[in-house]
Every structure is written in C-alpha cells, then in structure tokens.
Amino acid sequence: MSTATADARSGAVLADLLPSSRVRDVALVLGGAALTGLAAQLSVPVPGSPVPVTGQTFAALLVGTTLGAGRGLLALALYALAGIAGVPWFAEGGSGTAAPSLGYVFGMLLAAAVVGALARRGADRSVLRTAGTMILGEAIIYAIGVPYLALATGMSASAAIAAGLTPFLIGDALKAALAMGVLPTTWKLVNNR
C-alpha cells in the first residue's frame, strides 16, 4: 500500500499529503488567503444587488476542503483580517468594514472550517459526498451573508434573499459541479500513484 493510499484512509486532507512542517503549514495558510483574495477579483456585478458574483466563495470552500478545518479557518481568518485592515482584496478590490457583503466573508470563515472537517472524514472523495459538502458550505455562507446584507442595507429579509441569494444559485451549482469533478479526481489520482 502506498503512503498516499494509507494517508487517504487515515483521515487526511489533500494538504496532508505534502511533507509535514511548520513552513508548509504557514505557506498553505498564506497561499489559501492569497488564493481567496485573487479569486475575489474575478467579479461580475449583479444588477439590483450590492453583491457581485465572484470566485471568492469557490476559493474559500476549496481552501477549507484541501487544507482541513484548522488551516482553512486560519487562511480565511487571515484573508478577512487583512481585508478589514485595508488590503484591497475583497470583491471588486474592496476592503474595510463598510461593505454590505462582509457577512459573506464571515460566513466563509465558518464554512471553511466545516467543509475542512468533513473533508477529513472523506467528504471530498466521491462526487456525491463532495456535492453535499459544497452545498452545505454554500448554505453556511448564505446563512450568515444574507442576514448581514439585510442589516447592513436596511433591506427586508425577502429583499435580501432576492438580492443576495437567488441570483447566485446557478453560479453556485456550477462551482459545486467543478469541485465535484476536481476533488474526487485528485484523490483518485493520488490513490493510483
């Protein structure tokens, strides 16, 4: 049995397959934060919504799943804290605390930890389990982001759902489909080595 196969069965996430060291962990956390910041710049405005479509949520869920709960949470915490402190890497080059979409960033923190914990239990190794993991992660992001949007803008709950959830469902389904292809395929390749 190869080391990768043994690791895949023992509750590892993809990042655990790299040689272990503190330098690795720091690099993964920094890289996860940077990936999320870069993906946030892939931004398309949504008419009638203060929240754009971005690659940010996909990156956050991918970071959580591949790094695991602890490193994923740290990466998203670094992303959030740096953005709040002024690094212009929130959606559309934003930063600070004034954005009505900041609640989605807070949701990404929790979602990264949850999908990372599920990945450690093998939730990223099959298409169906990956789909469930990504859907749960997205639901967590919306559960925090949409109410925050309503509070930050004074929207009613139904208006916040219409502006901050409904326009994003098709894109989120596509992101989940991408993850459903990438993550299980990566594990299959690792286990066939």
N, C-alpha and C. Protein backbone atom coordinates (compact mmCIF):
# COMPACT_ATOMS: atom_id res chain seq x y z
N MET A 1 0.86 -1.18 0.00
CA MET A 1 0.00 0.00 0.00
C MET A 1 0.89 1.23 0.00
N SER A 2 0.61 2.17 -0.89
CA SER A 2 1.41 3.39 -0.96
C SER A 2 1.12 4.30 0.22
N THR A 3 2.03 5.24 0.48
CA THR A 3 1.83 6.20 1.57
C THR A 3 0.60 7.05 1.31
N ALA A 4 0.39 7.45 0.06
CA ALA A 4 -0.77 8.28 -0.26
C ALA A 4 -2.06 7.54 0.03
N THR A 5 -2.10 6.22 -0.31
CA THR A 5 -3.30 5.44 -0.02
C THR A 5 -3.52 5.32 1.47
N ALA A 6 -2.46 5.08 2.22
CA ALA A 6 -2.59 4.99 3.67
C ALA A 6 -3.09 6.32 4.23
N ASP A 7 -2.54 7.43 3.74
CA ASP A 7 -2.96 8.75 4.20
C ASP A 7 -4.42 9.01 3.85
N ALA A 8 -4.84 8.59 2.65
CA ALA A 8 -6.21 8.83 2.22
C ALA A 8 -7.19 8.09 3.12
N ARG A 9 -6.80 6.97 3.65
CA ARG A 9 -7.69 6.19 4.51
C ARG A 9 -7.65 6.65 5.97
N SER A 10 -6.64 7.40 6.35
CA SER A 10 -6.48 7.73 7.76
C SER A 10 -7.01 9.11 8.13
N GLY A 11 -7.85 9.69 7.30
CA GLY A 11 -8.45 10.97 7.65
C GLY A 11 -7.63 12.17 7.22
N ALA A 12 -6.83 12.02 6.20
CA ALA A 12 -6.03 13.13 5.71
C ALA A 12 -6.84 14.00 4.76
N VAL A 13 -6.44 15.25 4.65
CA VAL A 13 -6.92 16.12 3.59
C VAL A 13 -5.80 16.22 2.57
N LEU A 14 -6.08 16.78 1.42
CA LEU A 14 -5.06 16.81 0.36
C LEU A 14 -3.77 17.47 0.81
N ALA A 15 -3.84 18.54 1.59
CA ALA A 15 -2.63 19.23 2.03
C ALA A 15 -1.75 18.35 2.90
N ASP A 16 -2.33 17.37 3.58
CA ASP A 16 -1.56 16.47 4.44
C ASP A 16 -0.66 15.55 3.64
N LEU A 17 -0.86 15.45 2.34
CA LEU A 17 -0.04 14.59 1.52
C LEU A 17 1.31 15.23 1.19
N LEU A 18 1.45 16.53 1.49
CA LEU A 18 2.74 17.22 1.33
C LEU A 18 3.59 16.94 2.56
N PRO A 19 4.92 16.96 2.41
CA PRO A 19 5.77 16.73 3.58
C PRO A 19 5.43 17.71 4.71
N SER A 20 5.30 17.17 5.91
CA SER A 20 4.85 17.95 7.05
C SER A 20 5.94 18.84 7.63
N SER A 21 5.59 20.11 7.86
CA SER A 21 6.47 21.05 8.56
C SER A 21 5.67 22.30 8.88
N ARG A 22 6.19 23.08 9.80
CA ARG A 22 5.54 24.36 10.11
C ARG A 22 5.62 25.31 8.91
N VAL A 23 6.71 25.24 8.18
CA VAL A 23 6.86 26.09 6.99
C VAL A 23 5.76 25.74 5.99
N ARG A 24 5.51 24.45 5.80
CA ARG A 24 4.43 24.03 4.90
C ARG A 24 3.10 24.60 5.35
N ASP A 25 2.80 24.48 6.65
CA ASP A 25 1.52 24.96 7.15
C ASP A 25 1.37 26.46 6.99
N VAL A 26 2.43 27.21 7.28
CA VAL A 26 2.39 28.67 7.10
C VAL A 26 2.19 29.02 5.63
N ALA A 27 2.92 28.33 4.76
CA ALA A 27 2.80 28.59 3.32
C ALA A 27 1.38 28.26 2.83
N LEU A 28 0.79 27.18 3.33
CA LEU A 28 -0.56 26.81 2.92
C LEU A 28 -1.58 27.84 3.40
N VAL A 29 -1.43 28.33 4.62
CA VAL A 29 -2.36 29.34 5.14
C VAL A 29 -2.22 30.64 4.34
N LEU A 30 -0.99 31.08 4.11
CA LEU A 30 -0.77 32.29 3.32
C LEU A 30 -1.29 32.11 1.89
N GLY A 31 -1.01 30.96 1.31
CA GLY A 31 -1.49 30.68 -0.04
C GLY A 31 -3.00 30.62 -0.13
N GLY A 32 -3.65 30.04 0.89
CA GLY A 32 -5.11 29.98 0.92
C GLY A 32 -5.74 31.35 1.00
N ALA A 33 -5.14 32.22 1.82
CA ALA A 33 -5.64 33.60 1.92
C ALA A 33 -5.45 34.33 0.60
N ALA A 34 -4.27 34.17 0.00
CA ALA A 34 -3.98 34.84 -1.26
C ALA A 34 -4.88 34.33 -2.39
N LEU A 35 -5.11 33.03 -2.44
CA LEU A 35 -5.99 32.47 -3.46
C LEU A 35 -7.39 33.05 -3.34
N THR A 36 -7.89 33.15 -2.11
CA THR A 36 -9.22 33.71 -1.90
C THR A 36 -9.26 35.17 -2.32
N GLY A 37 -8.22 35.93 -1.98
CA GLY A 37 -8.16 37.33 -2.38
C GLY A 37 -8.10 37.50 -3.89
N LEU A 38 -7.33 36.66 -4.55
CA LEU A 38 -7.26 36.73 -6.02
C LEU A 38 -8.58 36.33 -6.65
N ALA A 39 -9.20 35.28 -6.13
CA ALA A 39 -10.48 34.82 -6.68
C ALA A 39 -11.58 35.85 -6.49
N ALA A 40 -11.48 36.65 -5.44
CA ALA A 40 -12.48 37.70 -5.20
C ALA A 40 -12.43 38.77 -6.28
N GLN A 41 -11.30 38.87 -6.97
CA GLN A 41 -11.16 39.88 -8.02
C GLN A 41 -11.83 39.43 -9.32
N LEU A 42 -12.15 38.14 -9.42
CA LEU A 42 -12.95 37.66 -10.54
C LEU A 42 -14.39 38.01 -10.19
N SER A 43 -14.81 39.16 -10.59
CA SER A 43 -16.05 39.75 -10.09
C SER A 43 -16.93 40.25 -11.24
N VAL A 44 -18.22 39.88 -11.15
CA VAL A 44 -19.19 40.34 -12.13
C VAL A 44 -20.35 40.97 -11.36
N PRO A 45 -20.63 42.26 -11.61
CA PRO A 45 -21.75 42.90 -10.90
C PRO A 45 -23.08 42.23 -11.24
N VAL A 46 -23.96 42.21 -10.25
CA VAL A 46 -25.31 41.66 -10.43
C VAL A 46 -26.28 42.84 -10.38
N PRO A 47 -27.02 43.07 -11.46
CA PRO A 47 -27.98 44.19 -11.46
C PRO A 47 -28.95 44.08 -10.28
N GLY A 48 -29.11 45.18 -9.56
CA GLY A 48 -30.03 45.22 -8.43
C GLY A 48 -29.49 44.65 -7.14
N SER A 49 -28.22 44.27 -7.13
CA SER A 49 -27.63 43.69 -5.92
C SER A 49 -26.31 44.38 -5.60
N PRO A 50 -26.06 44.66 -4.32
CA PRO A 50 -24.76 45.21 -3.95
C PRO A 50 -23.68 44.12 -3.84
N VAL A 51 -24.05 42.88 -4.11
CA VAL A 51 -23.13 41.76 -4.00
C VAL A 51 -22.83 41.23 -5.40
N PRO A 52 -21.56 41.22 -5.82
CA PRO A 52 -21.23 40.69 -7.14
C PRO A 52 -21.03 39.17 -7.11
N VAL A 53 -21.07 38.56 -8.26
CA VAL A 53 -20.66 37.17 -8.42
C VAL A 53 -19.14 37.18 -8.45
N THR A 54 -18.52 36.33 -7.63
CA THR A 54 -17.06 36.25 -7.60
C THR A 54 -16.61 34.80 -7.54
N GLY A 55 -15.33 34.61 -7.65
CA GLY A 55 -14.73 33.29 -7.44
C GLY A 55 -14.37 33.06 -5.98
N GLN A 56 -14.65 34.04 -5.16
CA GLN A 56 -14.26 34.04 -3.75
C GLN A 56 -14.87 32.86 -2.97
N THR A 57 -16.14 32.60 -3.13
CA THR A 57 -16.76 31.52 -2.36
C THR A 57 -16.20 30.16 -2.77
N PHE A 58 -15.98 29.97 -4.07
CA PHE A 58 -15.39 28.72 -4.53
C PHE A 58 -14.00 28.55 -3.93
N ALA A 59 -13.20 29.61 -3.95
CA ALA A 59 -11.86 29.53 -3.38
C ALA A 59 -11.91 29.21 -1.89
N ALA A 60 -12.81 29.87 -1.17
CA ALA A 60 -12.91 29.63 0.27
C ALA A 60 -13.27 28.18 0.58
N LEU A 61 -14.20 27.62 -0.18
CA LEU A 61 -14.59 26.23 0.05
C LEU A 61 -13.48 25.27 -0.38
N LEU A 62 -12.79 25.59 -1.45
CA LEU A 62 -11.67 24.77 -1.90
C LEU A 62 -10.54 24.82 -0.88
N VAL A 63 -10.26 26.00 -0.34
CA VAL A 63 -9.22 26.15 0.69
C VAL A 63 -9.58 25.32 1.91
N GLY A 64 -10.81 25.43 2.38
CA GLY A 64 -11.22 24.65 3.55
C GLY A 64 -11.12 23.16 3.31
N THR A 65 -11.57 22.72 2.15
CA THR A 65 -11.59 21.29 1.85
C THR A 65 -10.18 20.73 1.69
N THR A 66 -9.31 21.44 1.02
CA THR A 66 -7.97 20.91 0.78
C THR A 66 -7.02 21.09 1.96
N LEU A 67 -7.23 22.14 2.75
CA LEU A 67 -6.32 22.39 3.88
C LEU A 67 -6.80 21.76 5.18
N GLY A 68 -8.08 21.47 5.29
CA GLY A 68 -8.63 20.97 6.54
C GLY A 68 -9.17 22.12 7.37
N ALA A 69 -9.87 21.77 8.43
CA ALA A 69 -10.59 22.76 9.24
C ALA A 69 -9.66 23.81 9.84
N GLY A 70 -8.59 23.40 10.48
CA GLY A 70 -7.72 24.35 11.17
C GLY A 70 -7.01 25.31 10.24
N ARG A 71 -6.30 24.76 9.27
CA ARG A 71 -5.57 25.62 8.33
C ARG A 71 -6.52 26.41 7.45
N GLY A 72 -7.65 25.80 7.07
CA GLY A 72 -8.65 26.51 6.27
C GLY A 72 -9.22 27.70 7.01
N LEU A 73 -9.56 27.49 8.29
CA LEU A 73 -10.06 28.59 9.11
C LEU A 73 -9.01 29.69 9.26
N LEU A 74 -7.76 29.30 9.50
CA LEU A 74 -6.70 30.30 9.63
C LEU A 74 -6.50 31.09 8.33
N ALA A 75 -6.55 30.40 7.19
CA ALA A 75 -6.39 31.08 5.91
C ALA A 75 -7.50 32.10 5.68
N LEU A 76 -8.74 31.71 5.97
CA LEU A 76 -9.86 32.63 5.77
C LEU A 76 -9.87 33.74 6.82
N ALA A 77 -9.40 33.43 8.03
CA ALA A 77 -9.28 34.48 9.06
C ALA A 77 -8.23 35.50 8.63
N LEU A 78 -7.11 35.03 8.09
CA LEU A 78 -6.09 35.95 7.61
C LEU A 78 -6.63 36.80 6.47
N TYR A 79 -7.35 36.17 5.55
CA TYR A 79 -7.97 36.90 4.44
C TYR A 79 -8.91 37.98 4.97
N ALA A 80 -9.78 37.61 5.91
CA ALA A 80 -10.75 38.56 6.46
C ALA A 80 -10.06 39.69 7.21
N LEU A 81 -9.13 39.35 8.09
CA LEU A 81 -8.47 40.38 8.90
C LEU A 81 -7.64 41.33 8.04
N ALA A 82 -6.94 40.80 7.05
CA ALA A 82 -6.16 41.66 6.17
C ALA A 82 -7.07 42.58 5.36
N GLY A 83 -8.19 42.05 4.88
CA GLY A 83 -9.15 42.87 4.14
C GLY A 83 -9.77 43.95 5.00
N ILE A 84 -10.12 43.60 6.23
CA ILE A 84 -10.68 44.58 7.16
C ILE A 84 -9.64 45.66 7.48
N ALA A 85 -8.38 45.25 7.55
CA ALA A 85 -7.29 46.19 7.87
C ALA A 85 -6.92 47.09 6.69
N GLY A 86 -7.43 46.78 5.49
CA GLY A 86 -7.19 47.68 4.37
C GLY A 86 -6.60 47.06 3.12
N VAL A 87 -6.23 45.78 3.16
CA VAL A 87 -5.73 45.14 1.93
C VAL A 87 -6.91 45.07 0.96
N PRO A 88 -6.77 45.63 -0.24
CA PRO A 88 -7.90 45.71 -1.18
C PRO A 88 -8.15 44.40 -1.93
N TRP A 89 -8.49 43.35 -1.20
CA TRP A 89 -8.69 42.06 -1.87
C TRP A 89 -10.04 41.43 -1.59
N PHE A 90 -10.98 42.22 -1.07
CA PHE A 90 -12.36 41.76 -1.05
C PHE A 90 -12.91 41.94 -2.47
N ALA A 91 -14.12 41.53 -2.70
CA ALA A 91 -14.72 41.63 -4.03
C ALA A 91 -14.58 43.04 -4.58
N GLU A 92 -14.25 43.12 -5.85
CA GLU A 92 -14.09 44.39 -6.57
C GLU A 92 -13.03 45.30 -5.95
N GLY A 93 -12.00 44.72 -5.34
CA GLY A 93 -10.91 45.50 -4.77
C GLY A 93 -11.28 46.22 -3.49
N GLY A 94 -12.35 45.80 -2.85
CA GLY A 94 -12.80 46.45 -1.62
C GLY A 94 -11.99 46.03 -0.41
N SER A 95 -12.15 46.79 0.67
CA SER A 95 -11.54 46.48 1.95
C SER A 95 -12.32 47.21 3.03
N GLY A 96 -11.96 46.96 4.28
CA GLY A 96 -12.61 47.63 5.40
C GLY A 96 -13.87 46.92 5.85
N THR A 97 -14.66 47.62 6.65
CA THR A 97 -15.85 47.01 7.24
C THR A 97 -17.16 47.56 6.69
N ALA A 98 -17.10 48.48 5.74
CA ALA A 98 -18.32 49.14 5.27
C ALA A 98 -19.11 48.34 4.23
N ALA A 99 -18.51 47.35 3.61
CA ALA A 99 -19.18 46.62 2.53
C ALA A 99 -20.37 45.81 3.05
N PRO A 100 -21.51 45.91 2.39
CA PRO A 100 -22.67 45.11 2.81
C PRO A 100 -22.46 43.61 2.58
N SER A 101 -21.43 43.26 1.82
CA SER A 101 -21.15 41.85 1.56
C SER A 101 -20.16 41.24 2.56
N LEU A 102 -19.78 41.99 3.59
CA LEU A 102 -18.81 41.48 4.57
C LEU A 102 -19.33 40.24 5.29
N GLY A 103 -20.63 40.14 5.45
CA GLY A 103 -21.20 38.96 6.10
C GLY A 103 -20.87 37.67 5.36
N TYR A 104 -20.75 37.74 4.05
CA TYR A 104 -20.38 36.55 3.28
C TYR A 104 -18.95 36.13 3.64
N VAL A 105 -18.08 37.10 3.86
CA VAL A 105 -16.70 36.79 4.26
C VAL A 105 -16.71 36.08 5.62
N PHE A 106 -17.52 36.58 6.55
CA PHE A 106 -17.63 35.91 7.85
C PHE A 106 -18.19 34.49 7.69
N GLY A 107 -19.15 34.34 6.79
CA GLY A 107 -19.69 33.02 6.51
C GLY A 107 -18.65 32.07 5.95
N MET A 108 -17.74 32.62 5.15
CA MET A 108 -16.68 31.80 4.57
C MET A 108 -15.75 31.24 5.64
N LEU A 109 -15.54 32.00 6.71
CA LEU A 109 -14.71 31.51 7.82
C LEU A 109 -15.30 30.22 8.38
N LEU A 110 -16.56 30.26 8.73
CA LEU A 110 -17.22 29.09 9.31
C LEU A 110 -17.32 27.97 8.28
N ALA A 111 -17.66 28.31 7.05
CA ALA A 111 -17.80 27.30 6.01
C ALA A 111 -16.48 26.57 5.76
N ALA A 112 -15.37 27.30 5.74
CA ALA A 112 -14.06 26.67 5.52
C ALA A 112 -13.77 25.65 6.61
N ALA A 113 -14.09 26.00 7.84
CA ALA A 113 -13.86 25.07 8.95
C ALA A 113 -14.75 23.83 8.83
N VAL A 114 -16.01 24.03 8.49
CA VAL A 114 -16.94 22.89 8.39
C VAL A 114 -16.57 21.98 7.23
N VAL A 115 -16.34 22.53 6.04
CA VAL A 115 -16.01 21.66 4.91
C VAL A 115 -14.65 21.00 5.11
N GLY A 116 -13.74 21.68 5.81
CA GLY A 116 -12.45 21.08 6.13
C GLY A 116 -12.59 19.90 7.07
N ALA A 117 -13.46 20.03 8.07
CA ALA A 117 -13.71 18.92 8.99
C ALA A 117 -14.37 17.75 8.26
N LEU A 118 -15.29 18.06 7.36
CA LEU A 118 -15.94 17.00 6.59
C LEU A 118 -14.95 16.32 5.64
N ALA A 119 -14.06 17.11 5.03
CA ALA A 119 -13.07 16.53 4.13
C ALA A 119 -12.16 15.56 4.89
N ARG A 120 -11.84 15.87 6.13
CA ARG A 120 -11.00 14.98 6.94
C ARG A 120 -11.72 13.64 7.18
N ARG A 121 -13.03 13.65 7.05
CA ARG A 121 -13.83 12.42 7.20
C ARG A 121 -14.15 11.79 5.83
N GLY A 122 -13.49 12.28 4.78
CA GLY A 122 -13.65 11.68 3.47
C GLY A 122 -14.74 12.28 2.60
N ALA A 123 -15.26 13.44 2.96
CA ALA A 123 -16.38 14.03 2.22
C ALA A 123 -15.97 14.62 0.88
N ASP A 124 -14.70 14.60 0.56
CA ASP A 124 -14.24 15.14 -0.73
C ASP A 124 -13.74 14.03 -1.66
N ARG A 125 -14.09 12.80 -1.35
CA ARG A 125 -13.52 11.69 -2.10
C ARG A 125 -14.45 11.05 -3.11
N SER A 126 -15.73 11.41 -3.06
CA SER A 126 -16.67 10.91 -4.06
C SER A 126 -17.49 12.10 -4.57
N VAL A 127 -18.05 11.93 -5.74
CA VAL A 127 -18.81 13.01 -6.37
C VAL A 127 -20.00 13.41 -5.49
N LEU A 128 -20.77 12.45 -5.02
CA LEU A 128 -21.96 12.78 -4.24
C LEU A 128 -21.61 13.41 -2.89
N ARG A 129 -20.62 12.89 -2.21
CA ARG A 129 -20.25 13.47 -0.93
C ARG A 129 -19.64 14.86 -1.11
N THR A 130 -18.89 15.05 -2.17
CA THR A 130 -18.35 16.39 -2.45
C THR A 130 -19.49 17.36 -2.73
N ALA A 131 -20.50 16.92 -3.47
CA ALA A 131 -21.65 17.78 -3.75
C ALA A 131 -22.32 18.20 -2.45
N GLY A 132 -22.55 17.27 -1.57
CA GLY A 132 -23.16 17.59 -0.28
C GLY A 132 -22.31 18.54 0.54
N THR A 133 -21.01 18.34 0.52
CA THR A 133 -20.09 19.20 1.26
C THR A 133 -20.13 20.62 0.72
N MET A 134 -20.09 20.76 -0.59
CA MET A 134 -20.10 22.10 -1.18
C MET A 134 -21.45 22.79 -0.94
N ILE A 135 -22.54 22.06 -1.05
CA ILE A 135 -23.86 22.65 -0.80
C ILE A 135 -23.97 23.12 0.65
N LEU A 136 -23.48 22.31 1.58
CA LEU A 136 -23.50 22.71 2.98
C LEU A 136 -22.64 23.96 3.19
N GLY A 137 -21.46 23.98 2.60
CA GLY A 137 -20.59 25.16 2.72
C GLY A 137 -21.25 26.42 2.18
N GLU A 138 -21.88 26.31 1.03
CA GLU A 138 -22.59 27.46 0.45
C GLU A 138 -23.74 27.90 1.36
N ALA A 139 -24.46 26.93 1.91
CA ALA A 139 -25.58 27.26 2.80
C ALA A 139 -25.10 28.02 4.03
N ILE A 140 -23.97 27.64 4.56
CA ILE A 140 -23.40 28.34 5.72
C ILE A 140 -23.05 29.78 5.35
N ILE A 141 -22.43 29.95 4.18
CA ILE A 141 -22.06 31.31 3.74
C ILE A 141 -23.31 32.18 3.61
N TYR A 142 -24.36 31.65 3.01
CA TYR A 142 -25.59 32.42 2.86
C TYR A 142 -26.30 32.65 4.19
N ALA A 143 -26.23 31.68 5.08
CA ALA A 143 -26.91 31.81 6.38
C ALA A 143 -26.35 32.98 7.19
N ILE A 144 -25.11 33.34 6.94
CA ILE A 144 -24.51 34.50 7.61
C ILE A 144 -24.55 35.73 6.70
N GLY A 145 -24.26 35.54 5.43
CA GLY A 145 -24.17 36.66 4.49
C GLY A 145 -25.47 37.37 4.21
N VAL A 146 -26.55 36.63 4.02
CA VAL A 146 -27.84 37.26 3.68
C VAL A 146 -28.40 38.08 4.84
N PRO A 147 -28.44 37.57 6.07
CA PRO A 147 -28.92 38.42 7.17
C PRO A 147 -28.04 39.65 7.39
N TYR A 148 -26.71 39.48 7.23
CA TYR A 148 -25.81 40.63 7.35
C TYR A 148 -26.12 41.66 6.28
N LEU A 149 -26.37 41.20 5.06
CA LEU A 149 -26.73 42.10 3.96
C LEU A 149 -27.99 42.88 4.32
N ALA A 150 -28.99 42.19 4.86
CA ALA A 150 -30.24 42.85 5.24
C ALA A 150 -29.99 43.91 6.31
N LEU A 151 -29.20 43.58 7.31
CA LEU A 151 -28.90 44.53 8.39
C LEU A 151 -28.07 45.72 7.88
N ALA A 152 -27.09 45.43 7.05
CA ALA A 152 -26.18 46.49 6.58
C ALA A 152 -26.86 47.47 5.63
N THR A 153 -27.88 46.99 4.91
CA THR A 153 -28.52 47.84 3.91
C THR A 153 -29.92 48.29 4.29
N GLY A 154 -30.48 47.70 5.34
CA GLY A 154 -31.86 48.01 5.72
C GLY A 154 -32.88 47.30 4.87
N MET A 155 -32.44 46.32 4.09
CA MET A 155 -33.38 45.54 3.26
C MET A 155 -34.25 44.65 4.13
N SER A 156 -35.42 44.33 3.62
CA SER A 156 -36.25 43.31 4.28
C SER A 156 -35.60 41.95 4.02
N ALA A 157 -36.04 40.95 4.76
CA ALA A 157 -35.49 39.61 4.57
C ALA A 157 -35.74 39.12 3.15
N SER A 158 -36.93 39.36 2.62
CA SER A 158 -37.22 38.89 1.26
C SER A 158 -36.39 39.64 0.22
N ALA A 159 -36.18 40.94 0.43
CA ALA A 159 -35.34 41.71 -0.50
C ALA A 159 -33.89 41.24 -0.43
N ALA A 160 -33.40 40.93 0.77
CA ALA A 160 -32.02 40.44 0.92
C ALA A 160 -31.86 39.08 0.25
N ILE A 161 -32.87 38.23 0.36
CA ILE A 161 -32.82 36.93 -0.31
C ILE A 161 -32.82 37.13 -1.82
N ALA A 162 -33.65 38.03 -2.30
CA ALA A 162 -33.73 38.30 -3.74
C ALA A 162 -32.43 38.91 -4.28
N ALA A 163 -31.76 39.73 -3.48
CA ALA A 163 -30.54 40.39 -3.94
C ALA A 163 -29.27 39.62 -3.59
N GLY A 164 -29.31 38.85 -2.51
CA GLY A 164 -28.09 38.23 -2.02
C GLY A 164 -28.04 36.73 -2.04
N LEU A 165 -29.08 36.09 -2.55
CA LEU A 165 -29.08 34.63 -2.63
C LEU A 165 -29.53 34.15 -4.01
N THR A 166 -30.74 34.51 -4.39
CA THR A 166 -31.34 33.99 -5.61
C THR A 166 -30.47 34.15 -6.86
N PRO A 167 -29.85 35.33 -7.10
CA PRO A 167 -29.08 35.48 -8.34
C PRO A 167 -27.81 34.61 -8.40
N PHE A 168 -27.45 34.00 -7.28
CA PHE A 168 -26.18 33.29 -7.20
C PHE A 168 -26.32 31.78 -7.26
N LEU A 169 -27.55 31.27 -7.25
CA LEU A 169 -27.76 29.83 -7.16
C LEU A 169 -27.22 29.06 -8.36
N ILE A 170 -27.40 29.58 -9.55
CA ILE A 170 -26.89 28.87 -10.74
C ILE A 170 -25.37 28.84 -10.73
N GLY A 171 -24.75 29.97 -10.42
CA GLY A 171 -23.29 30.01 -10.34
C GLY A 171 -22.74 29.08 -9.27
N ASP A 172 -23.44 29.01 -8.14
CA ASP A 172 -23.00 28.12 -7.07
C ASP A 172 -23.13 26.66 -7.48
N ALA A 173 -24.16 26.35 -8.24
CA ALA A 173 -24.31 24.98 -8.74
C ALA A 173 -23.15 24.63 -9.68
N LEU A 174 -22.73 25.59 -10.50
CA LEU A 174 -21.58 25.35 -11.38
C LEU A 174 -20.29 25.19 -10.59
N LYS A 175 -20.12 26.00 -9.54
CA LYS A 175 -18.93 25.88 -8.69
C LYS A 175 -18.91 24.52 -7.99
N ALA A 176 -20.08 24.07 -7.51
CA ALA A 176 -20.16 22.76 -6.86
C ALA A 176 -19.83 21.65 -7.86
N ALA A 177 -20.31 21.79 -9.09
CA ALA A 177 -20.02 20.79 -10.11
C ALA A 177 -18.53 20.74 -10.40
N LEU A 178 -17.89 21.89 -10.43
CA LEU A 178 -16.43 21.92 -10.65
C LEU A 178 -15.72 21.20 -9.51
N ALA A 179 -16.10 21.49 -8.29
CA ALA A 179 -15.49 20.82 -7.13
C ALA A 179 -15.76 19.32 -7.17
N MET A 180 -16.96 18.94 -7.61
CA MET A 180 -17.33 17.53 -7.70
C MET A 180 -16.44 16.79 -8.69
N GLY A 181 -15.93 17.50 -9.68
CA GLY A 181 -15.01 16.88 -10.62
C GLY A 181 -13.57 16.90 -10.14
N VAL A 182 -13.15 18.02 -9.60
CA VAL A 182 -11.74 18.20 -9.24
C VAL A 182 -11.31 17.40 -8.01
N LEU A 183 -12.05 17.50 -6.93
CA LEU A 183 -11.59 16.89 -5.67
C LEU A 183 -11.56 15.36 -5.72
N PRO A 184 -12.66 14.69 -6.09
CA PRO A 184 -12.58 13.23 -6.16
C PRO A 184 -11.56 12.73 -7.19
N THR A 185 -11.43 13.45 -8.30
CA THR A 185 -10.45 13.06 -9.31
C THR A 185 -9.04 13.17 -8.76
N THR A 186 -8.76 14.23 -8.01
CA THR A 186 -7.44 14.39 -7.41
C THR A 186 -7.15 13.24 -6.45
N TRP A 187 -8.13 12.88 -5.61
CA TRP A 187 -7.93 11.75 -4.70
C TRP A 187 -7.71 10.45 -5.46
N LYS A 188 -8.44 10.27 -6.55
CA LYS A 188 -8.27 9.05 -7.33
C LYS A 188 -6.86 8.98 -7.91
N LEU A 189 -6.37 10.11 -8.42
CA LEU A 189 -5.00 10.15 -8.95
C LEU A 189 -3.98 9.87 -7.87
N VAL A 190 -4.17 10.45 -6.69
CA VAL A 190 -3.25 10.24 -5.57
C VAL A 190 -3.24 8.76 -5.17
N ASN A 191 -4.41 8.16 -5.09
CA ASN A 191 -4.50 6.77 -4.65
C ASN A 191 -4.01 5.78 -5.70
N ASN A 192 -3.96 6.21 -6.98
CA ASN A 192 -3.47 5.33 -8.04
C ASN A 192 -1.96 5.46 -8.24
N ARG A 193 -1.34 6.40 -7.52
CA ARG A 193 0.11 6.58 -7.65
C ARG A 193 0.84 5.41 -7.06
